[in-house]
Amino acid sequence: MRESQPKTAEDLFNFLDGLGIEYKTKNHAPVFTVAESVALRDEMPGGHTKNLFVKDKKDNYFLLTVEEHATVDLKTVHQVIGAASKVSFGKPEKLMEYLGVIPGAVTAFGAINDTGGNVKVILDEALMTFDIVNCHPLSNDATTSIASKDLLRFMEATGHEPLVLKVTA
């Protein structure tokens, strides 16, 4: 089990500040689906994310961060991401243990909680063409905008080597 409490949005922002990474955060009512969050689009330019926490049969975990309207074929994506088998969704307990978030708040920023390197981070190539990427700051009642190049720096600073792959149709 997790030895410490998951990091908070404040911890995340302090970490980003320490890296000299610029970001902007907008608070809003909690959103649990892409459909609910579409209302924010006019106010927040850039690529908005959808995140899939998946695992293969050997219990290798992956976080797929893609553009919100993109389609991921769960029957074939394992071939692209290097999974040992077809993938299925990870359980909420593992999501909390590894990324420190609940379903509905899954985010690339969850990598800050994965100090054991249990999750392989995959950023979709199409998402990374945006200058700005928008992710939840560890909770689904806010959205944080960060430069896509800085998202890569963030991942590296958390000890993850993000793979930028074409995982969407």
N, C-alpha and C. Protein backbone atom coordinates (compact mmCIF):
# COMPACT_ATOMS: atom_id res chain seq x y z
N MET A 1 0.84 -1.20 0.00
CA MET A 1 0.00 0.00 0.00
C MET A 1 0.87 1.24 0.00
N ARG A 2 0.24 2.33 -0.31
CA ARG A 2 0.90 3.64 -0.39
C ARG A 2 1.40 4.04 1.00
N GLU A 3 2.62 4.53 1.04
CA GLU A 3 3.21 4.92 2.32
C GLU A 3 2.77 6.30 2.75
N SER A 4 2.42 7.15 1.81
CA SER A 4 2.06 8.52 2.16
C SER A 4 0.77 8.90 1.44
N GLN A 5 0.24 10.01 1.86
CA GLN A 5 -0.97 10.52 1.22
C GLN A 5 -0.63 10.95 -0.21
N PRO A 6 -1.60 10.82 -1.12
CA PRO A 6 -1.35 11.33 -2.47
C PRO A 6 -1.09 12.84 -2.43
N LYS A 7 -0.32 13.29 -3.35
CA LYS A 7 -0.02 14.71 -3.42
C LYS A 7 -1.29 15.49 -3.80
N THR A 8 -1.32 16.74 -3.38
CA THR A 8 -2.46 17.62 -3.65
C THR A 8 -2.13 18.51 -4.84
N ALA A 9 -3.13 19.25 -5.30
CA ALA A 9 -2.91 20.22 -6.37
C ALA A 9 -1.83 21.22 -5.94
N GLU A 10 -1.86 21.63 -4.68
CA GLU A 10 -0.85 22.57 -4.18
C GLU A 10 0.55 21.97 -4.28
N ASP A 11 0.69 20.69 -3.92
CA ASP A 11 1.98 20.01 -4.06
C ASP A 11 2.42 20.01 -5.52
N LEU A 12 1.47 19.73 -6.40
CA LEU A 12 1.77 19.72 -7.84
C LEU A 12 2.26 21.09 -8.30
N PHE A 13 1.56 22.15 -7.90
CA PHE A 13 1.93 23.49 -8.34
C PHE A 13 3.30 23.88 -7.78
N ASN A 14 3.60 23.48 -6.56
CA ASN A 14 4.92 23.75 -5.97
C ASN A 14 6.01 23.03 -6.77
N PHE A 15 5.71 21.80 -7.18
CA PHE A 15 6.65 21.01 -7.98
C PHE A 15 6.91 21.70 -9.33
N LEU A 16 5.82 22.14 -9.98
CA LEU A 16 5.96 22.84 -11.26
C LEU A 16 6.74 24.14 -11.09
N ASP A 17 6.43 24.87 -10.01
CA ASP A 17 7.17 26.12 -9.74
C ASP A 17 8.65 25.83 -9.57
N GLY A 18 8.96 24.75 -8.86
CA GLY A 18 10.36 24.37 -8.64
C GLY A 18 11.09 24.05 -9.93
N LEU A 19 10.34 23.58 -10.92
CA LEU A 19 10.93 23.29 -12.23
C LEU A 19 10.95 24.51 -13.14
N GLY A 20 10.37 25.61 -12.68
CA GLY A 20 10.28 26.81 -13.50
C GLY A 20 9.30 26.65 -14.65
N ILE A 21 8.29 25.81 -14.46
CA ILE A 21 7.30 25.56 -15.51
C ILE A 21 6.09 26.47 -15.30
N GLU A 22 5.71 27.18 -16.36
CA GLU A 22 4.54 28.05 -16.30
C GLU A 22 3.28 27.23 -16.52
N TYR A 23 2.23 27.60 -15.82
CA TYR A 23 0.94 26.92 -15.96
C TYR A 23 -0.16 27.88 -15.54
N LYS A 24 -1.37 27.58 -15.96
CA LYS A 24 -2.54 28.35 -15.55
C LYS A 24 -3.61 27.36 -15.12
N THR A 25 -4.29 27.67 -14.04
CA THR A 25 -5.33 26.77 -13.55
C THR A 25 -6.65 27.51 -13.44
N LYS A 26 -7.70 26.84 -13.89
CA LYS A 26 -9.05 27.38 -13.78
C LYS A 26 -9.87 26.41 -12.94
N ASN A 27 -10.45 26.91 -11.86
CA ASN A 27 -11.34 26.09 -11.03
C ASN A 27 -12.72 26.05 -11.66
N HIS A 28 -13.40 24.93 -11.50
CA HIS A 28 -14.74 24.77 -12.05
C HIS A 28 -15.47 23.69 -11.27
N ALA A 29 -16.73 23.51 -11.56
CA ALA A 29 -17.49 22.44 -10.91
C ALA A 29 -16.85 21.11 -11.31
N PRO A 30 -16.90 20.11 -10.44
CA PRO A 30 -16.32 18.80 -10.78
C PRO A 30 -16.92 18.25 -12.08
N VAL A 31 -16.05 17.73 -12.92
CA VAL A 31 -16.49 17.09 -14.17
C VAL A 31 -15.96 15.66 -14.17
N PHE A 32 -16.81 14.75 -14.62
CA PHE A 32 -16.44 13.34 -14.60
C PHE A 32 -16.28 12.76 -15.99
N THR A 33 -16.73 13.50 -17.00
CA THR A 33 -16.66 12.99 -18.37
C THR A 33 -16.19 14.10 -19.30
N VAL A 34 -15.73 13.70 -20.46
CA VAL A 34 -15.35 14.67 -21.49
C VAL A 34 -16.55 15.54 -21.84
N ALA A 35 -17.73 14.92 -21.95
CA ALA A 35 -18.93 15.68 -22.33
C ALA A 35 -19.20 16.81 -21.34
N GLU A 36 -19.03 16.53 -20.05
CA GLU A 36 -19.28 17.56 -19.04
C GLU A 36 -18.26 18.69 -19.12
N SER A 37 -17.07 18.38 -19.56
CA SER A 37 -16.01 19.39 -19.55
C SER A 37 -15.95 20.24 -20.81
N VAL A 38 -16.75 19.89 -21.81
CA VAL A 38 -16.71 20.62 -23.08
C VAL A 38 -17.08 22.09 -22.91
N ALA A 39 -17.88 22.41 -21.92
CA ALA A 39 -18.29 23.79 -21.69
C ALA A 39 -17.09 24.70 -21.41
N LEU A 40 -15.99 24.15 -20.98
CA LEU A 40 -14.81 24.96 -20.64
C LEU A 40 -13.97 25.32 -21.85
N ARG A 41 -14.23 24.68 -22.98
CA ARG A 41 -13.34 24.82 -24.12
C ARG A 41 -13.12 26.25 -24.59
N ASP A 42 -14.17 27.05 -24.61
CA ASP A 42 -14.02 28.41 -25.11
C ASP A 42 -13.07 29.22 -24.24
N GLU A 43 -13.03 28.89 -22.96
CA GLU A 43 -12.21 29.65 -22.03
C GLU A 43 -10.77 29.15 -21.97
N MET A 44 -10.54 27.92 -22.42
CA MET A 44 -9.21 27.32 -22.27
C MET A 44 -8.73 26.73 -23.59
N PRO A 45 -7.88 27.47 -24.30
CA PRO A 45 -7.38 26.95 -25.58
C PRO A 45 -6.43 25.78 -25.37
N GLY A 46 -6.16 25.07 -26.46
CA GLY A 46 -5.20 23.97 -26.41
C GLY A 46 -5.89 22.62 -26.49
N GLY A 47 -5.08 21.58 -26.34
CA GLY A 47 -5.59 20.22 -26.38
C GLY A 47 -6.11 19.82 -25.01
N HIS A 48 -7.32 19.30 -24.99
CA HIS A 48 -7.90 18.82 -23.74
C HIS A 48 -7.77 17.32 -23.71
N THR A 49 -7.54 16.77 -22.54
CA THR A 49 -7.13 15.37 -22.45
C THR A 49 -8.22 14.43 -21.96
N LYS A 50 -8.05 13.20 -22.40
CA LYS A 50 -8.80 12.05 -21.90
C LYS A 50 -7.71 11.07 -21.48
N ASN A 51 -7.89 10.43 -20.34
CA ASN A 51 -6.85 9.56 -19.79
C ASN A 51 -7.40 8.18 -19.53
N LEU A 52 -6.64 7.18 -19.98
CA LEU A 52 -7.04 5.79 -19.78
C LEU A 52 -5.97 5.10 -18.94
N PHE A 53 -6.39 4.54 -17.82
CA PHE A 53 -5.49 3.80 -16.93
C PHE A 53 -5.75 2.33 -17.21
N VAL A 54 -4.78 1.69 -17.85
CA VAL A 54 -4.98 0.31 -18.30
C VAL A 54 -3.84 -0.59 -17.84
N LYS A 55 -4.10 -1.91 -17.90
CA LYS A 55 -3.07 -2.88 -17.52
C LYS A 55 -3.13 -4.06 -18.46
N ASP A 56 -2.01 -4.78 -18.53
CA ASP A 56 -1.99 -6.00 -19.33
C ASP A 56 -2.09 -7.20 -18.38
N LYS A 57 -2.04 -8.41 -18.96
CA LYS A 57 -2.21 -9.62 -18.14
C LYS A 57 -1.07 -9.85 -17.15
N LYS A 58 0.08 -9.22 -17.40
CA LYS A 58 1.22 -9.38 -16.49
C LYS A 58 1.26 -8.27 -15.43
N ASP A 59 0.14 -7.55 -15.31
CA ASP A 59 0.03 -6.45 -14.34
C ASP A 59 1.03 -5.33 -14.59
N ASN A 60 1.31 -5.07 -15.87
CA ASN A 60 2.05 -3.87 -16.25
C ASN A 60 0.99 -2.79 -16.45
N TYR A 61 1.19 -1.63 -15.84
CA TYR A 61 0.21 -0.55 -15.91
C TYR A 61 0.67 0.56 -16.85
N PHE A 62 -0.30 1.16 -17.52
CA PHE A 62 -0.05 2.21 -18.49
C PHE A 62 -1.05 3.33 -18.29
N LEU A 63 -0.59 4.56 -18.46
CA LEU A 63 -1.47 5.71 -18.50
C LEU A 63 -1.41 6.26 -19.92
N LEU A 64 -2.55 6.20 -20.60
CA LEU A 64 -2.62 6.73 -21.96
C LEU A 64 -3.29 8.09 -21.89
N THR A 65 -2.58 9.13 -22.26
CA THR A 65 -3.13 10.48 -22.27
C THR A 65 -3.30 10.88 -23.73
N VAL A 66 -4.56 11.11 -24.11
CA VAL A 66 -4.89 11.41 -25.51
C VAL A 66 -5.79 12.63 -25.58
N GLU A 67 -5.97 13.15 -26.78
CA GLU A 67 -6.87 14.29 -26.99
C GLU A 67 -8.29 13.80 -26.71
N GLU A 68 -9.10 14.67 -26.11
CA GLU A 68 -10.40 14.24 -25.56
C GLU A 68 -11.34 13.55 -26.54
N HIS A 69 -11.27 13.91 -27.83
CA HIS A 69 -12.20 13.31 -28.79
C HIS A 69 -11.59 12.12 -29.53
N ALA A 70 -10.35 11.81 -29.21
CA ALA A 70 -9.66 10.72 -29.90
C ALA A 70 -10.24 9.37 -29.49
N THR A 71 -10.09 8.40 -30.38
CA THR A 71 -10.54 7.04 -30.12
C THR A 71 -9.33 6.14 -29.94
N VAL A 72 -9.33 5.37 -28.87
CA VAL A 72 -8.26 4.40 -28.63
C VAL A 72 -8.88 3.02 -28.80
N ASP A 73 -8.27 2.21 -29.66
CA ASP A 73 -8.75 0.85 -29.87
C ASP A 73 -8.10 -0.06 -28.84
N LEU A 74 -8.87 -0.39 -27.79
CA LEU A 74 -8.31 -1.20 -26.71
C LEU A 74 -7.95 -2.62 -27.15
N LYS A 75 -8.44 -3.04 -28.31
CA LYS A 75 -8.12 -4.39 -28.80
C LYS A 75 -6.73 -4.44 -29.43
N THR A 76 -6.24 -3.30 -29.91
CA THR A 76 -4.96 -3.31 -30.62
C THR A 76 -3.88 -2.41 -29.99
N VAL A 77 -4.26 -1.53 -29.07
CA VAL A 77 -3.30 -0.55 -28.56
C VAL A 77 -2.11 -1.21 -27.87
N HIS A 78 -2.29 -2.43 -27.36
CA HIS A 78 -1.18 -3.11 -26.68
C HIS A 78 0.02 -3.29 -27.60
N GLN A 79 -0.24 -3.43 -28.91
CA GLN A 79 0.86 -3.61 -29.87
C GLN A 79 1.70 -2.35 -29.99
N VAL A 80 1.07 -1.20 -29.80
CA VAL A 80 1.77 0.08 -29.93
C VAL A 80 2.53 0.43 -28.65
N ILE A 81 1.93 0.14 -27.50
CA ILE A 81 2.52 0.59 -26.22
C ILE A 81 3.48 -0.41 -25.60
N GLY A 82 3.59 -1.60 -26.20
CA GLY A 82 4.53 -2.58 -25.67
C GLY A 82 3.98 -3.40 -24.52
N ALA A 83 2.66 -3.52 -24.45
CA ALA A 83 2.05 -4.34 -23.40
C ALA A 83 2.23 -5.81 -23.75
N ALA A 84 2.17 -6.67 -22.73
CA ALA A 84 2.38 -8.11 -22.92
C ALA A 84 1.14 -8.80 -23.49
N SER A 85 0.01 -8.12 -23.44
CA SER A 85 -1.24 -8.72 -23.91
C SER A 85 -2.22 -7.58 -24.19
N LYS A 86 -3.41 -7.93 -24.61
CA LYS A 86 -4.46 -6.91 -24.72
C LYS A 86 -4.63 -6.28 -23.35
N VAL A 87 -5.06 -5.03 -23.34
CA VAL A 87 -5.19 -4.32 -22.07
C VAL A 87 -6.64 -4.23 -21.62
N SER A 88 -6.79 -4.06 -20.31
CA SER A 88 -8.10 -3.81 -19.73
C SER A 88 -7.92 -2.64 -18.75
N PHE A 89 -9.03 -2.09 -18.30
CA PHE A 89 -8.92 -0.96 -17.38
C PHE A 89 -8.40 -1.41 -16.03
N GLY A 90 -7.52 -0.58 -15.45
CA GLY A 90 -7.00 -0.87 -14.12
C GLY A 90 -8.06 -0.61 -13.07
N LYS A 91 -7.95 -1.29 -11.96
CA LYS A 91 -8.93 -1.14 -10.87
C LYS A 91 -8.74 0.20 -10.16
N PRO A 92 -9.85 0.78 -9.62
CA PRO A 92 -9.76 2.06 -8.91
C PRO A 92 -8.75 2.03 -7.76
N GLU A 93 -8.59 0.88 -7.08
CA GLU A 93 -7.64 0.79 -5.97
C GLU A 93 -6.21 1.01 -6.47
N LYS A 94 -5.89 0.42 -7.62
CA LYS A 94 -4.53 0.59 -8.18
C LYS A 94 -4.35 2.01 -8.69
N LEU A 95 -5.41 2.58 -9.23
CA LEU A 95 -5.36 3.96 -9.71
C LEU A 95 -4.99 4.89 -8.55
N MET A 96 -5.62 4.68 -7.41
CA MET A 96 -5.32 5.51 -6.23
C MET A 96 -3.92 5.19 -5.71
N GLU A 97 -3.57 3.90 -5.65
CA GLU A 97 -2.27 3.51 -5.12
C GLU A 97 -1.12 4.08 -5.95
N TYR A 98 -1.24 3.98 -7.27
CA TYR A 98 -0.14 4.39 -8.15
C TYR A 98 -0.18 5.86 -8.55
N LEU A 99 -1.36 6.38 -8.90
CA LEU A 99 -1.44 7.75 -9.42
C LEU A 99 -2.07 8.73 -8.43
N GLY A 100 -2.64 8.21 -7.34
CA GLY A 100 -3.18 9.09 -6.31
C GLY A 100 -4.44 9.83 -6.70
N VAL A 101 -5.21 9.27 -7.63
CA VAL A 101 -6.44 9.92 -8.08
C VAL A 101 -7.58 8.91 -8.14
N ILE A 102 -8.80 9.45 -8.21
CA ILE A 102 -9.99 8.62 -8.31
C ILE A 102 -10.45 8.56 -9.76
N PRO A 103 -11.26 7.57 -10.14
CA PRO A 103 -11.84 7.56 -11.48
C PRO A 103 -12.58 8.89 -11.71
N GLY A 104 -12.44 9.45 -12.89
CA GLY A 104 -13.04 10.74 -13.18
C GLY A 104 -12.06 11.88 -12.98
N ALA A 105 -10.95 11.61 -12.31
CA ALA A 105 -9.93 12.65 -12.11
C ALA A 105 -8.57 12.17 -12.63
N VAL A 106 -8.57 11.13 -13.46
CA VAL A 106 -7.32 10.59 -13.99
C VAL A 106 -6.65 11.67 -14.83
N THR A 107 -5.36 11.81 -14.66
CA THR A 107 -4.62 12.90 -15.28
C THR A 107 -3.16 12.52 -15.47
N ALA A 108 -2.54 13.12 -16.47
CA ALA A 108 -1.11 12.92 -16.69
C ALA A 108 -0.32 13.39 -15.46
N PHE A 109 -0.85 14.38 -14.75
CA PHE A 109 -0.15 14.88 -13.57
C PHE A 109 -0.09 13.83 -12.45
N GLY A 110 -0.88 12.77 -12.55
CA GLY A 110 -0.84 11.69 -11.56
C GLY A 110 0.54 11.06 -11.46
N ALA A 111 1.36 11.23 -12.50
CA ALA A 111 2.72 10.68 -12.48
C ALA A 111 3.51 11.17 -11.27
N ILE A 112 3.15 12.31 -10.73
CA ILE A 112 3.86 12.84 -9.55
C ILE A 112 3.70 11.91 -8.34
N ASN A 113 2.62 11.13 -8.32
CA ASN A 113 2.38 10.20 -7.22
C ASN A 113 3.00 8.82 -7.45
N ASP A 114 3.41 8.55 -8.67
CA ASP A 114 3.94 7.22 -9.01
C ASP A 114 5.45 7.17 -8.75
N THR A 115 5.79 7.28 -7.48
CA THR A 115 7.22 7.34 -7.13
C THR A 115 7.91 6.00 -7.32
N GLY A 116 7.13 4.92 -7.39
CA GLY A 116 7.73 3.61 -7.59
C GLY A 116 7.90 3.23 -9.05
N GLY A 117 7.51 4.13 -9.95
CA GLY A 117 7.65 3.85 -11.38
C GLY A 117 6.81 2.66 -11.83
N ASN A 118 5.62 2.54 -11.28
CA ASN A 118 4.74 1.41 -11.61
C ASN A 118 3.95 1.60 -12.90
N VAL A 119 3.89 2.83 -13.38
CA VAL A 119 3.04 3.13 -14.53
C VAL A 119 3.89 3.69 -15.67
N LYS A 120 3.69 3.13 -16.86
CA LYS A 120 4.36 3.63 -18.05
C LYS A 120 3.46 4.70 -18.66
N VAL A 121 4.00 5.90 -18.87
CA VAL A 121 3.21 7.02 -19.37
C VAL A 121 3.34 7.10 -20.89
N ILE A 122 2.17 7.10 -21.55
CA ILE A 122 2.12 7.21 -23.01
C ILE A 122 1.34 8.47 -23.35
N LEU A 123 1.98 9.38 -24.06
CA LEU A 123 1.31 10.61 -24.52
C LEU A 123 1.05 10.45 -26.02
N ASP A 124 -0.19 10.66 -26.42
CA ASP A 124 -0.52 10.49 -27.82
C ASP A 124 0.13 11.57 -28.68
N GLU A 125 0.68 11.12 -29.80
CA GLU A 125 1.36 12.00 -30.75
C GLU A 125 0.47 13.17 -31.17
N ALA A 126 -0.82 12.91 -31.46
CA ALA A 126 -1.73 13.96 -31.91
C ALA A 126 -1.94 15.02 -30.82
N LEU A 127 -2.04 14.58 -29.56
CA LEU A 127 -2.20 15.52 -28.46
C LEU A 127 -0.98 16.43 -28.35
N MET A 128 0.18 15.85 -28.54
CA MET A 128 1.42 16.61 -28.36
C MET A 128 1.71 17.60 -29.48
N THR A 129 0.84 17.63 -30.51
CA THR A 129 1.00 18.66 -31.55
C THR A 129 0.43 20.00 -31.07
N PHE A 130 -0.37 19.98 -30.01
CA PHE A 130 -0.88 21.23 -29.45
C PHE A 130 0.23 21.92 -28.67
N ASP A 131 0.25 23.26 -28.72
CA ASP A 131 1.23 24.00 -27.92
C ASP A 131 0.91 23.89 -26.43
N ILE A 132 -0.40 23.88 -26.14
CA ILE A 132 -0.87 23.83 -24.75
C ILE A 132 -1.69 22.57 -24.55
N VAL A 133 -1.45 21.90 -23.42
CA VAL A 133 -2.21 20.71 -23.05
C VAL A 133 -2.91 21.01 -21.73
N ASN A 134 -4.17 20.61 -21.62
CA ASN A 134 -4.98 20.87 -20.43
C ASN A 134 -5.27 19.56 -19.69
N CYS A 135 -4.92 19.52 -18.40
CA CYS A 135 -5.09 18.32 -17.58
C CYS A 135 -5.67 18.71 -16.22
N HIS A 136 -6.34 17.78 -15.57
CA HIS A 136 -6.78 18.01 -14.20
C HIS A 136 -5.56 18.04 -13.28
N PRO A 137 -5.54 18.95 -12.32
CA PRO A 137 -4.42 19.00 -11.36
C PRO A 137 -4.69 18.08 -10.15
N LEU A 138 -4.86 16.76 -10.44
CA LEU A 138 -5.05 15.71 -9.44
C LEU A 138 -6.46 15.68 -8.85
N SER A 139 -7.34 16.55 -9.33
CA SER A 139 -8.75 16.50 -8.93
C SER A 139 -9.55 17.02 -10.12
N ASN A 140 -10.81 16.67 -10.18
CA ASN A 140 -11.59 17.01 -11.37
C ASN A 140 -12.41 18.28 -11.21
N ASP A 141 -12.01 19.14 -10.25
CA ASP A 141 -12.72 20.41 -10.07
C ASP A 141 -11.87 21.60 -10.52
N ALA A 142 -10.86 21.30 -11.34
CA ALA A 142 -10.02 22.35 -11.91
C ALA A 142 -9.33 21.77 -13.15
N THR A 143 -8.86 22.68 -13.99
CA THR A 143 -8.10 22.28 -15.17
C THR A 143 -6.85 23.14 -15.23
N THR A 144 -5.71 22.50 -15.45
CA THR A 144 -4.43 23.21 -15.53
C THR A 144 -3.89 23.12 -16.95
N SER A 145 -3.52 24.28 -17.48
CA SER A 145 -2.94 24.38 -18.82
C SER A 145 -1.43 24.46 -18.69
N ILE A 146 -0.74 23.68 -19.51
CA ILE A 146 0.72 23.62 -19.48
C ILE A 146 1.21 23.45 -20.92
N ALA A 147 2.36 24.00 -21.22
CA ALA A 147 2.92 23.81 -22.56
C ALA A 147 3.24 22.34 -22.76
N SER A 148 2.98 21.82 -23.96
CA SER A 148 3.22 20.39 -24.19
C SER A 148 4.67 20.03 -23.93
N LYS A 149 5.60 20.89 -24.30
CA LYS A 149 7.02 20.60 -24.04
C LYS A 149 7.31 20.56 -22.54
N ASP A 150 6.58 21.36 -21.76
CA ASP A 150 6.76 21.36 -20.31
C ASP A 150 6.13 20.13 -19.68
N LEU A 151 5.08 19.59 -20.32
CA LEU A 151 4.50 18.34 -19.82
C LEU A 151 5.55 17.23 -19.91
N LEU A 152 6.32 17.23 -20.98
CA LEU A 152 7.40 16.24 -21.12
C LEU A 152 8.45 16.45 -20.03
N ARG A 153 8.81 17.70 -19.76
CA ARG A 153 9.78 18.01 -18.69
C ARG A 153 9.25 17.55 -17.34
N PHE A 154 7.97 17.79 -17.09
CA PHE A 154 7.34 17.35 -15.85
C PHE A 154 7.47 15.84 -15.69
N MET A 155 7.14 15.11 -16.75
CA MET A 155 7.20 13.64 -16.69
C MET A 155 8.61 13.18 -16.35
N GLU A 156 9.59 13.76 -17.02
CA GLU A 156 10.98 13.37 -16.77
C GLU A 156 11.36 13.68 -15.32
N ALA A 157 10.90 14.82 -14.81
CA ALA A 157 11.23 15.21 -13.44
C ALA A 157 10.59 14.28 -12.41
N THR A 158 9.51 13.59 -12.79
CA THR A 158 8.88 12.64 -11.88
C THR A 158 9.50 11.25 -12.02
N GLY A 159 10.52 11.13 -12.87
CA GLY A 159 11.18 9.85 -13.04
C GLY A 159 10.55 8.98 -14.12
N HIS A 160 9.67 9.55 -14.93
CA HIS A 160 9.03 8.81 -16.00
C HIS A 160 9.63 9.22 -17.34
N GLU A 161 9.80 8.25 -18.19
CA GLU A 161 10.25 8.56 -19.55
C GLU A 161 9.00 8.45 -20.42
N PRO A 162 8.38 9.64 -20.69
CA PRO A 162 7.13 9.58 -21.44
C PRO A 162 7.37 9.14 -22.87
N LEU A 163 6.54 8.23 -23.34
CA LEU A 163 6.63 7.79 -24.72
C LEU A 163 5.57 8.54 -25.51
N VAL A 164 5.98 9.21 -26.56
CA VAL A 164 5.02 9.90 -27.44
C VAL A 164 4.79 8.97 -28.63
N LEU A 165 3.61 8.36 -28.63
CA LEU A 165 3.27 7.35 -29.63
C LEU A 165 1.92 7.65 -30.25
N LYS A 166 1.70 7.12 -31.44
CA LYS A 166 0.38 7.26 -32.06
C LYS A 166 -0.50 6.13 -31.55
N VAL A 167 -1.34 6.43 -30.55
CA VAL A 167 -2.18 5.40 -29.96
C VAL A 167 -3.66 5.59 -30.29
N THR A 168 -3.95 6.62 -31.09
CA THR A 168 -5.35 6.87 -31.42
C THR A 168 -5.61 6.63 -32.89
N ALA A 169 -6.91 6.40 -33.17
CA ALA A 169 -7.32 6.12 -34.55
C ALA A 169 -7.37 7.41 -35.35
